Amino acid sequence: MTQERPEYYRIGYGEDFGLTALTELLSRPGSGTGLADALGYAEGLADQYEGEASVELGEDARRLLASEVPEHILQTVWLASSGKGFDPHDHGMNNREWLEKISELSTARLRQNRRSHTPPPVRPVRDAVLCQAVVAEIRAMVADLNRISALPDLVDALEQVATGADVDLGLRLFLRVLKARSVPVEYERYRRLLALGWQLGFPPAVVHDGLHIIWPPVTTSRQGIEGDFGLSRLARLFTAGWHHRTARAAVRNAMTGDGYERPPGSEAAILLEDTRRVLQSTLSDDAIILLWLAATDRGYSIDERGVSGQDWLAQIADMCEEHLAEVAPTYVPVTSAIRADIGDAVLREIQQVAPLAADTVISPAFRPLEGASVMKALAQVVTQVDPDLGFRLFLRTLEVLRLPITQEQYARYEDLSRHFQYGEDHLLFSVDHLVLRT
């Protein structure tokens, strides 16, 4: 992480910001092209976050103004990144005059909050290693950039901004050019751009949103997953106090949680695999209901709604299939090989906790669920369905019951997590807080 600029995601940004957010607004179909329209978009952008968004907008403009990048380069990059949605030359201004207006507008908005505010000195990011990496990505797409733009020397213009003005803004403007013309970006290049954005403190959406990514095929791989996933993650979303208006909305939220590095449909494929495993197993409907109620801490009581366990899982599976048909129409559901060799190890962990769980209940104030019955159902998942799913639901149940874990137990859980190829954060997000540490 470069130390010259803030980590934008830490100060509240979740999407694009500054000058590139403005070019995105101007590039939208149907956006106004007059000077009043453009100034209106800039004023609206500066007003976001109670006026704090004006900091980055003004800073971006002043970085370009403080550089020695010539007018024709600024013109080329501006038109390419805004999709020619607004051309300052059409309104009697050159680009530096337009940037001055943006800087003045941003400063005026800040002064509404801080009456004596004076813009700080410009501190461009000119890290040599980052510059070299960004320029390499620009040059690697020279054929695509020349194909989509009739503007002269677009590649050279983008390079000059990255090296002569600011590599942070240079990368964002390069991304905006790609997005404005829907240039296809291969997955490996996308991951490199994502990594560069991370080094500059961008929220991932700055790279991801609007970029035409050529995704690899959807799989049920755990690569890139942070925390829980599949049926155990879905249950977590239904914990008491869940905020979705309907149960289907909560399921939709879970199955679209692919993150920024996985192909769209990845989480739905994993959730579908979990639900199909249970539906195709010999697990009783009573056991399915009990496990769901336990994993959700009775946050969504399907028994109170007259819904059977199998019917509920069938609804989830249908939603996953519908979503996959939309975002990954070539995906064919697969069932990964079960790690039966690890089943005995998972059972031993459940059996070790069972005596302590026998003295606990879930939802003691309303139709309580005995901890002993839940542990018995978890063991059935391991033997009749899948040790992997059984272990994830076991971890979720420990969290619900708030059962203490020794450091020795936690070490064994870490070993099992590695065998099942969980991410490093899986235990951290679930049971790490339950460990008894001396």
Protein backbone atom coordinates (compact mmCIF):
# COMPACT_ATOMS: atom_id res chain seq x y z
CA MET A 1 0.00 0.00 0.00
CA THR A 2 1.39 3.36 -1.00
CA GLN A 3 1.68 5.71 1.97
CA GLU A 4 1.28 8.89 -0.08
CA ARG A 5 -2.50 8.72 -0.36
CA PRO A 6 -5.42 7.58 1.81
CA GLU A 7 -6.89 4.11 1.68
CA TYR A 8 -10.17 5.16 0.11
CA TYR A 9 -12.12 2.11 1.27
CA ARG A 10 -11.16 2.98 4.88
CA ILE A 11 -12.61 6.48 4.67
CA GLY A 12 -15.98 5.24 3.49
CA TYR A 13 -15.83 4.96 -0.30
CA GLY A 14 -17.48 1.87 -1.76
CA GLU A 15 -17.46 2.89 -5.42
CA ASP A 16 -15.72 5.24 -7.83
CA PHE A 17 -14.98 8.76 -6.67
CA GLY A 18 -13.38 12.03 -7.69
CA LEU A 19 -12.90 12.99 -11.32
CA THR A 20 -13.52 9.47 -12.61
CA ALA A 21 -16.90 9.34 -10.87
CA LEU A 22 -17.75 12.54 -12.73
CA THR A 23 -16.69 11.12 -16.11
CA GLU A 24 -18.83 8.06 -15.38
CA LEU A 25 -21.89 10.27 -14.80
CA LEU A 26 -21.22 12.18 -18.02
CA SER A 27 -20.83 8.97 -20.03
CA ARG A 28 -24.25 7.56 -19.11
CA PRO A 29 -26.76 7.34 -21.96
CA GLY A 30 -29.19 10.23 -21.80
CA SER A 31 -27.01 12.43 -19.61
CA GLY A 32 -27.11 16.13 -20.43
CA THR A 33 -24.25 17.50 -22.52
CA GLY A 34 -24.55 21.23 -21.76
CA LEU A 35 -22.26 23.19 -19.43
CA ALA A 36 -25.04 23.61 -16.87
CA ASP A 37 -25.61 19.84 -16.94
CA ALA A 38 -21.93 19.07 -16.42
CA LEU A 39 -21.62 21.57 -13.58
CA GLY A 40 -24.77 20.13 -12.04
CA TYR A 41 -23.27 16.63 -12.05
CA ALA A 42 -20.07 17.96 -10.50
CA GLU A 43 -22.01 19.83 -7.79
CA GLY A 44 -24.09 16.75 -7.01
CA LEU A 45 -20.97 14.61 -6.76
CA ALA A 46 -19.20 17.14 -4.52
CA ASP A 47 -22.24 17.19 -2.22
CA GLN A 48 -22.09 13.45 -1.48
CA TYR A 49 -21.10 12.27 2.00
CA GLU A 50 -22.20 15.65 3.38
CA GLY A 51 -19.71 17.41 1.13
CA GLU A 52 -16.70 15.25 1.93
CA ALA A 53 -16.70 13.80 -1.62
CA SER A 54 -15.54 17.22 -2.80
CA VAL A 55 -12.09 16.47 -1.30
CA GLU A 56 -11.20 13.82 -3.89
CA LEU A 57 -12.94 15.63 -6.74
CA GLY A 58 -10.94 18.80 -6.15
CA GLU A 59 -7.72 16.90 -5.47
CA ASP A 60 -8.01 15.03 -8.79
CA ALA A 61 -8.53 18.26 -10.71
CA ARG A 62 -5.60 19.99 -9.01
CA ARG A 63 -3.28 17.05 -9.66
CA LEU A 64 -3.82 17.43 -13.37
CA LEU A 65 -3.56 21.22 -13.15
CA ALA A 66 -0.25 21.00 -11.25
CA SER A 67 1.26 18.64 -13.80
CA GLU A 68 3.00 19.49 -17.04
CA VAL A 69 0.67 17.28 -19.07
CA PRO A 70 -0.19 19.31 -22.19
CA GLU A 71 -3.68 20.41 -23.15
CA HIS A 72 -4.08 18.00 -26.06
CA ILE A 73 -3.29 15.06 -23.74
CA LEU A 74 -5.86 16.25 -21.19
CA GLN A 75 -8.39 16.60 -23.99
CA THR A 76 -7.76 13.08 -25.29
CA VAL A 77 -8.02 11.43 -21.88
CA TRP A 78 -11.06 13.46 -20.85
CA LEU A 79 -13.04 12.64 -24.00
CA ALA A 80 -12.10 8.95 -23.89
CA SER A 81 -12.96 8.49 -20.21
CA SER A 82 -16.23 10.41 -20.40
CA GLY A 83 -17.34 8.69 -23.60
CA LYS A 84 -17.38 12.15 -25.25
CA GLY A 85 -20.38 12.94 -23.06
CA PHE A 86 -19.16 16.48 -22.43
CA ASP A 87 -16.48 18.39 -24.35
CA PRO A 88 -15.28 21.62 -22.67
CA HIS A 89 -14.12 22.93 -26.07
CA ASP A 90 -17.75 23.03 -27.20
CA HIS A 91 -18.37 25.64 -24.50
CA GLY A 92 -15.45 27.95 -25.12
CA MET A 93 -13.10 26.37 -22.59
CA ASN A 94 -9.98 24.31 -22.75
CA ASN A 95 -9.55 21.40 -20.36
CA ARG A 96 -7.44 23.30 -17.84
CA GLU A 97 -10.15 25.95 -17.56
CA TRP A 98 -12.72 23.21 -17.03
CA LEU A 99 -10.56 21.61 -14.33
CA GLU A 100 -10.20 25.00 -12.65
CA LYS A 101 -14.00 25.23 -12.47
CA ILE A 102 -14.16 21.79 -10.87
CA SER A 103 -11.46 22.74 -8.35
CA GLU A 104 -13.23 25.98 -7.44
CA LEU A 105 -16.58 24.24 -7.15
CA SER A 106 -15.09 21.58 -4.86
CA THR A 107 -13.40 24.14 -2.63
CA ALA A 108 -16.60 26.15 -2.34
CA ARG A 109 -18.51 23.04 -1.24
CA LEU A 110 -15.88 22.17 1.38
CA ARG A 111 -16.08 25.67 2.81
CA GLN A 112 -19.73 25.06 3.65
CA ASN A 113 -18.43 22.59 6.21
CA ARG A 114 -15.08 24.24 7.01
CA ARG A 115 -15.39 27.99 6.52
CA SER A 116 -11.65 28.63 6.48
CA HIS A 117 -10.77 25.61 4.36
CA THR A 118 -7.85 26.02 2.01
CA PRO A 119 -7.05 23.15 -0.38
CA PRO A 120 -3.95 21.26 0.79
CA PRO A 121 -0.85 21.09 -1.42
CA VAL A 122 -1.12 18.57 -4.24
CA ARG A 123 0.62 15.29 -3.41
CA PRO A 124 0.66 13.17 -6.58
CA VAL A 125 1.50 9.47 -6.37
CA ARG A 126 4.51 8.82 -8.57
CA ASP A 127 5.69 5.52 -7.16
CA ALA A 128 8.05 4.14 -9.83
CA VAL A 129 7.04 0.50 -9.36
CA LEU A 130 3.32 1.27 -9.51
CA CYS A 131 3.81 3.54 -12.52
CA GLN A 132 5.66 0.80 -14.34
CA ALA A 133 2.92 -1.74 -13.56
CA VAL A 134 0.08 0.57 -14.66
CA VAL A 135 1.90 1.54 -17.87
CA ALA A 136 2.48 -2.15 -18.62
CA GLU A 137 -1.28 -2.81 -18.39
CA ILE A 138 -2.04 0.17 -20.64
CA ARG A 139 0.49 -0.95 -23.25
CA ALA A 140 -0.78 -4.53 -23.14
CA MET A 141 -4.16 -3.27 -24.38
CA VAL A 142 -2.83 -1.00 -27.12
CA ALA A 143 -4.62 -2.93 -29.88
CA ASP A 144 -7.97 -2.77 -28.05
CA LEU A 145 -7.57 0.91 -27.21
CA ASN A 146 -6.68 1.81 -30.79
CA ARG A 147 -9.62 -0.23 -32.04
CA ILE A 148 -12.25 1.45 -29.88
CA SER A 149 -11.05 5.03 -30.17
CA ALA A 150 -10.49 7.42 -33.04
CA LEU A 151 -8.75 9.80 -30.65
CA PRO A 152 -5.08 10.30 -31.52
CA ASP A 153 -2.40 8.77 -29.32
CA LEU A 154 -4.82 7.55 -26.62
CA VAL A 155 -2.31 5.04 -25.24
CA ASP A 156 0.41 7.67 -25.00
CA ALA A 157 -2.05 10.10 -23.37
CA LEU A 158 -3.00 7.60 -20.68
CA GLU A 159 0.66 6.85 -20.03
CA GLN A 160 1.50 10.53 -19.68
CA VAL A 161 -1.22 11.04 -17.07
CA ALA A 162 -0.05 8.00 -15.09
CA THR A 163 3.63 8.97 -15.18
CA GLY A 164 3.49 12.76 -15.41
CA ALA A 165 0.52 13.61 -13.20
CA ASP A 166 -0.57 10.85 -10.82
CA VAL A 167 -0.57 7.05 -11.08
CA ASP A 168 -3.66 6.79 -8.86
CA LEU A 169 -5.74 8.97 -11.19
CA GLY A 170 -3.99 7.47 -14.21
CA LEU A 171 -5.21 3.98 -13.33
CA ARG A 172 -8.75 5.18 -12.65
CA LEU A 173 -8.91 7.06 -15.96
CA PHE A 174 -7.59 4.00 -17.80
CA LEU A 175 -10.34 1.91 -16.17
CA ARG A 176 -12.94 4.52 -17.15
CA VAL A 177 -11.82 4.36 -20.79
CA LEU A 178 -12.21 0.57 -20.75
CA LYS A 179 -15.65 0.85 -19.19
CA ALA A 180 -16.89 3.68 -21.39
CA ARG A 181 -16.42 1.51 -24.49
CA SER A 182 -17.05 -1.92 -22.91
CA VAL A 183 -13.60 -3.24 -23.79
CA PRO A 184 -13.36 -6.97 -22.91
CA VAL A 185 -10.79 -7.62 -20.17
CA GLU A 186 -9.41 -11.11 -19.60
CA TYR A 187 -9.78 -12.52 -16.11
CA GLU A 188 -6.05 -12.63 -15.29
CA ARG A 189 -5.63 -9.01 -16.38
CA TYR A 190 -8.66 -8.08 -14.29
CA ARG A 191 -7.03 -9.69 -11.24
CA ARG A 192 -3.85 -7.69 -11.86
CA LEU A 193 -5.87 -4.47 -12.12
CA LEU A 194 -7.69 -5.40 -8.92
CA ALA A 195 -4.33 -5.93 -7.18
CA LEU A 196 -3.05 -2.56 -8.42
CA GLY A 197 -6.21 -0.88 -7.16
CA TRP A 198 -5.75 -2.56 -3.79
CA GLN A 199 -2.20 -1.18 -3.54
CA LEU A 200 -3.58 2.30 -4.17
CA GLY A 201 -6.32 1.86 -1.58
CA PHE A 202 -9.26 1.64 -4.01
CA PRO A 203 -12.44 -0.14 -2.94
CA PRO A 204 -12.73 -3.17 -5.27
CA ALA A 205 -15.81 -1.70 -6.95
CA VAL A 206 -13.64 1.01 -8.54
CA VAL A 207 -12.07 -1.70 -10.68
CA HIS A 208 -14.94 -4.18 -10.91
CA ASP A 209 -18.12 -2.18 -11.45
CA GLY A 210 -18.88 -1.59 -15.11
CA LEU A 211 -15.82 -3.48 -16.38
CA HIS A 212 -16.47 -6.05 -19.13
CA ILE A 213 -14.67 -9.01 -17.54
CA ILE A 214 -14.19 -12.29 -19.42
CA TRP A 215 -14.91 -14.62 -16.51
CA PRO A 216 -13.71 -18.25 -16.38
CA PRO A 217 -16.40 -20.95 -16.09
CA VAL A 218 -18.30 -21.17 -12.81
CA THR A 219 -17.08 -23.89 -10.44
CA THR A 220 -17.66 -24.88 -6.82
CA SER A 221 -14.04 -24.10 -5.96
CA ARG A 222 -13.43 -22.38 -2.60
CA GLN A 223 -10.70 -20.16 -4.07
CA GLY A 224 -11.28 -16.52 -3.25
CA ILE A 225 -13.93 -17.17 -0.58
CA GLU A 226 -13.66 -15.18 2.62
CA GLY A 227 -15.51 -16.60 5.59
CA ASP A 228 -18.45 -18.98 5.36
CA PHE A 229 -20.25 -20.15 2.22
CA GLY A 230 -23.04 -22.38 0.97
CA LEU A 231 -25.88 -23.55 3.20
CA SER A 232 -24.10 -22.65 6.45
CA ARG A 233 -23.59 -19.08 5.23
CA LEU A 234 -27.21 -18.81 4.16
CA ALA A 235 -28.34 -19.93 7.62
CA ARG A 236 -26.14 -17.22 9.15
CA LEU A 237 -28.04 -14.58 7.14
CA PHE A 238 -31.28 -15.68 8.81
CA THR A 239 -30.05 -15.14 12.36
CA ALA A 240 -32.57 -13.32 14.56
CA GLY A 241 -32.95 -9.73 13.40
CA TRP A 242 -32.20 -10.43 9.73
CA HIS A 243 -32.94 -7.36 7.68
CA HIS A 244 -34.30 -8.64 4.37
CA ARG A 245 -37.96 -7.99 3.68
CA THR A 246 -38.66 -11.56 2.56
CA ALA A 247 -37.03 -14.97 2.89
CA ARG A 248 -36.49 -15.08 -0.85
CA ALA A 249 -34.66 -11.75 -0.70
CA ALA A 250 -32.30 -13.22 1.92
CA VAL A 251 -31.63 -16.25 -0.28
CA ARG A 252 -31.04 -13.96 -3.25
CA ASN A 253 -28.54 -11.96 -1.21
CA ALA A 254 -26.66 -15.13 -0.27
CA MET A 255 -26.48 -16.62 -3.74
CA THR A 256 -25.23 -13.38 -5.30
CA GLY A 257 -22.42 -12.95 -2.76
CA ASP A 258 -19.66 -13.90 -5.18
CA GLY A 259 -17.29 -11.12 -4.18
CA TYR A 260 -15.01 -9.45 -6.68
CA GLU A 261 -12.72 -12.30 -7.70
CA ARG A 262 -15.16 -15.12 -8.44
CA PRO A 263 -17.31 -15.49 -11.55
CA PRO A 264 -20.97 -14.49 -11.16
CA GLY A 265 -22.92 -17.57 -10.07
CA SER A 266 -20.11 -19.10 -7.98
CA GLU A 267 -21.89 -18.80 -4.64
CA ALA A 268 -25.16 -20.03 -6.15
CA ALA A 269 -23.34 -23.10 -7.49
CA ILE A 270 -21.94 -23.92 -4.02
CA LEU A 271 -25.30 -23.31 -2.33
CA LEU A 272 -27.01 -25.48 -4.95
CA GLU A 273 -24.50 -28.28 -4.35
CA ASP A 274 -25.12 -28.18 -0.59
CA THR A 275 -28.90 -28.25 -0.94
CA ARG A 276 -28.85 -31.02 -3.56
CA ARG A 277 -26.63 -33.17 -1.35
CA VAL A 278 -29.13 -32.93 1.51
CA LEU A 279 -32.17 -33.45 -0.73
CA GLN A 280 -30.61 -36.53 -2.31
CA SER A 281 -29.58 -38.02 1.05
CA THR A 282 -31.46 -40.21 3.54
CA LEU A 283 -31.54 -37.43 6.14
CA SER A 284 -35.01 -37.17 7.66
CA ASP A 285 -37.16 -34.09 7.27
CA ASP A 286 -37.24 -33.64 11.05
CA ALA A 287 -33.43 -33.57 11.11
CA ILE A 288 -33.34 -31.01 8.27
CA ILE A 289 -35.77 -28.73 10.14
CA LEU A 290 -33.83 -29.09 13.39
CA LEU A 291 -30.51 -28.26 11.73
CA TRP A 292 -31.96 -25.23 9.95
CA LEU A 293 -33.53 -23.89 13.14
CA ALA A 294 -30.29 -24.43 15.07
CA ALA A 295 -28.03 -22.84 12.44
CA THR A 296 -30.32 -19.79 12.18
CA ASP A 297 -30.75 -19.56 15.98
CA ARG A 298 -34.47 -19.80 15.17
CA GLY A 299 -34.17 -16.62 13.17
CA TYR A 300 -36.42 -18.08 10.48
CA SER A 301 -38.72 -20.75 11.91
CA ILE A 302 -39.89 -22.77 8.93
CA ASP A 303 -41.78 -25.12 11.28
CA GLU A 304 -43.95 -22.18 12.39
CA ARG A 305 -44.74 -21.42 8.75
CA GLY A 306 -45.79 -24.95 7.92
CA VAL A 307 -42.86 -25.48 5.53
CA SER A 308 -41.10 -28.82 5.53
CA GLY A 309 -37.33 -28.99 5.52
CA GLN A 310 -37.23 -30.61 2.11
CA ASP A 311 -39.65 -28.09 0.61
CA TRP A 312 -37.56 -25.20 1.93
CA LEU A 313 -34.35 -26.64 0.51
CA ALA A 314 -36.12 -27.32 -2.79
CA GLN A 315 -37.14 -23.64 -2.95
CA ILE A 316 -33.52 -22.62 -2.34
CA ALA A 317 -32.30 -25.00 -5.05
CA ASP A 318 -34.86 -23.65 -7.54
CA MET A 319 -33.73 -20.07 -6.89
CA CYS A 320 -30.09 -21.06 -7.37
CA GLU A 321 -30.88 -22.77 -10.67
CA GLU A 322 -32.83 -19.73 -11.89
CA HIS A 323 -29.96 -17.41 -10.99
CA LEU A 324 -27.37 -19.65 -12.65
CA ALA A 325 -29.48 -19.85 -15.80
CA GLU A 326 -29.38 -16.05 -15.93
CA VAL A 327 -25.72 -15.31 -15.13
CA ALA A 328 -23.98 -18.55 -16.17
CA PRO A 329 -26.27 -20.27 -18.69
CA THR A 330 -23.64 -22.85 -19.70
CA TYR A 331 -23.10 -24.06 -16.14
CA VAL A 332 -23.98 -27.70 -15.52
CA PRO A 333 -24.45 -28.54 -11.81
CA VAL A 334 -21.85 -30.96 -10.52
CA THR A 335 -21.40 -32.82 -7.27
CA SER A 336 -17.86 -32.77 -5.94
CA ALA A 337 -16.34 -35.89 -4.47
CA ILE A 338 -17.13 -36.33 -0.76
CA ARG A 339 -14.15 -36.39 1.60
CA ALA A 340 -15.34 -39.51 3.41
CA ASP A 341 -11.81 -40.12 4.73
CA ILE A 342 -12.20 -37.09 7.00
CA GLY A 343 -15.65 -38.07 8.26
CA ASP A 344 -14.38 -39.90 11.37
CA ALA A 345 -12.29 -36.87 12.39
CA VAL A 346 -15.34 -34.59 12.15
CA LEU A 347 -17.43 -37.06 14.14
CA ARG A 348 -14.84 -37.11 16.92
CA GLU A 349 -15.04 -33.33 17.23
CA ILE A 350 -18.84 -33.45 17.44
CA GLN A 351 -18.69 -36.25 20.03
CA GLN A 352 -16.19 -34.33 22.14
CA VAL A 353 -18.50 -31.31 22.30
CA ALA A 354 -21.72 -33.30 22.77
CA PRO A 355 -21.55 -33.59 26.62
CA LEU A 356 -21.15 -29.82 26.98
CA ALA A 357 -23.88 -29.18 24.41
CA ALA A 358 -26.26 -31.50 26.29
CA ASP A 359 -26.70 -28.82 28.96
CA THR A 360 -27.61 -26.11 26.44
CA VAL A 361 -30.67 -25.10 24.45
CA ILE A 362 -31.23 -22.93 21.41
CA SER A 363 -34.07 -20.38 21.64
CA PRO A 364 -34.85 -21.11 25.30
CA ALA A 365 -37.75 -18.63 25.37
CA PHE A 366 -39.64 -20.03 22.39
CA ARG A 367 -39.96 -23.69 21.46
CA PRO A 368 -36.42 -24.53 22.64
CA LEU A 369 -34.12 -26.89 20.76
CA GLU A 370 -32.02 -29.22 22.89
CA GLY A 371 -28.29 -29.06 22.23
CA ALA A 372 -28.00 -32.85 22.45
CA SER A 373 -30.57 -33.33 19.66
CA VAL A 374 -28.74 -30.84 17.46
CA MET A 375 -25.42 -32.68 17.95
CA LYS A 376 -27.10 -35.95 17.01
CA ALA A 377 -28.46 -34.39 13.81
CA LEU A 378 -25.03 -32.97 12.97
CA ALA A 379 -23.51 -36.44 13.26
CA GLN A 380 -26.16 -37.69 10.83
CA VAL A 381 -25.14 -35.00 8.32
CA VAL A 382 -21.55 -36.25 8.52
CA THR A 383 -22.51 -39.91 7.95
CA GLN A 384 -25.51 -39.53 5.63
CA VAL A 385 -24.78 -36.35 3.65
CA ASP A 386 -21.27 -34.89 3.63
CA PRO A 387 -18.54 -34.43 6.29
CA ASP A 388 -17.68 -31.03 4.80
CA LEU A 389 -21.21 -29.66 5.19
CA GLY A 390 -21.48 -31.35 8.57
CA PHE A 391 -18.33 -29.60 9.80
CA ARG A 392 -19.51 -26.18 8.57
CA LEU A 393 -22.88 -26.61 10.27
CA PHE A 394 -21.08 -27.81 13.41
CA LEU A 395 -18.99 -24.64 13.50
CA ARG A 396 -22.11 -22.56 13.00
CA THR A 397 -23.85 -24.40 15.88
CA LEU A 398 -20.90 -23.81 18.20
CA GLU A 399 -21.26 -20.13 17.41
CA VAL A 400 -25.00 -20.14 18.14
CA LEU A 401 -24.55 -22.06 21.41
CA ARG A 402 -21.50 -19.96 22.36
CA LEU A 403 -19.65 -23.07 23.53
CA PRO A 404 -16.08 -22.49 24.73
CA ILE A 405 -13.28 -24.02 22.65
CA THR A 406 -9.84 -24.99 23.86
CA GLN A 407 -6.75 -24.04 21.92
CA GLU A 408 -6.18 -27.73 21.20
CA GLN A 409 -9.65 -28.06 19.70
CA TYR A 410 -9.15 -24.93 17.63
CA ALA A 411 -5.88 -26.30 16.25
CA ARG A 412 -7.71 -29.44 15.11
CA TYR A 413 -10.45 -27.29 13.54
CA GLU A 414 -7.76 -25.42 11.63
CA ASP A 415 -6.41 -28.72 10.34
CA LEU A 416 -9.86 -29.84 9.19
CA SER A 417 -10.45 -26.46 7.54
CA ARG A 418 -7.28 -26.90 5.51
CA HIS A 419 -8.35 -30.38 4.45
CA PHE A 420 -11.71 -28.98 3.26
CA GLN A 421 -9.91 -26.05 1.56
CA TYR A 422 -11.66 -23.32 3.52
CA GLY A 423 -10.28 -19.81 3.36
CA GLU A 424 -7.98 -18.50 6.07
CA ASP A 425 -10.79 -16.35 7.49
CA HIS A 426 -13.37 -19.11 7.84
CA LEU A 427 -12.70 -19.83 11.52
CA LEU A 428 -11.87 -16.20 12.26
CA PHE A 429 -15.35 -15.15 11.21
CA SER A 430 -17.12 -17.96 13.06
CA VAL A 431 -15.57 -19.45 16.23
CA ASP A 432 -12.27 -17.69 16.86
CA HIS A 433 -13.87 -15.55 19.58
CA LEU A 434 -14.91 -18.69 21.49
CA VAL A 435 -11.34 -19.90 22.05
CA LEU A 436 -10.16 -19.98 25.68
CA ARG A 437 -6.77 -18.30 25.45
CA THR A 438 -4.43 -18.02 28.41
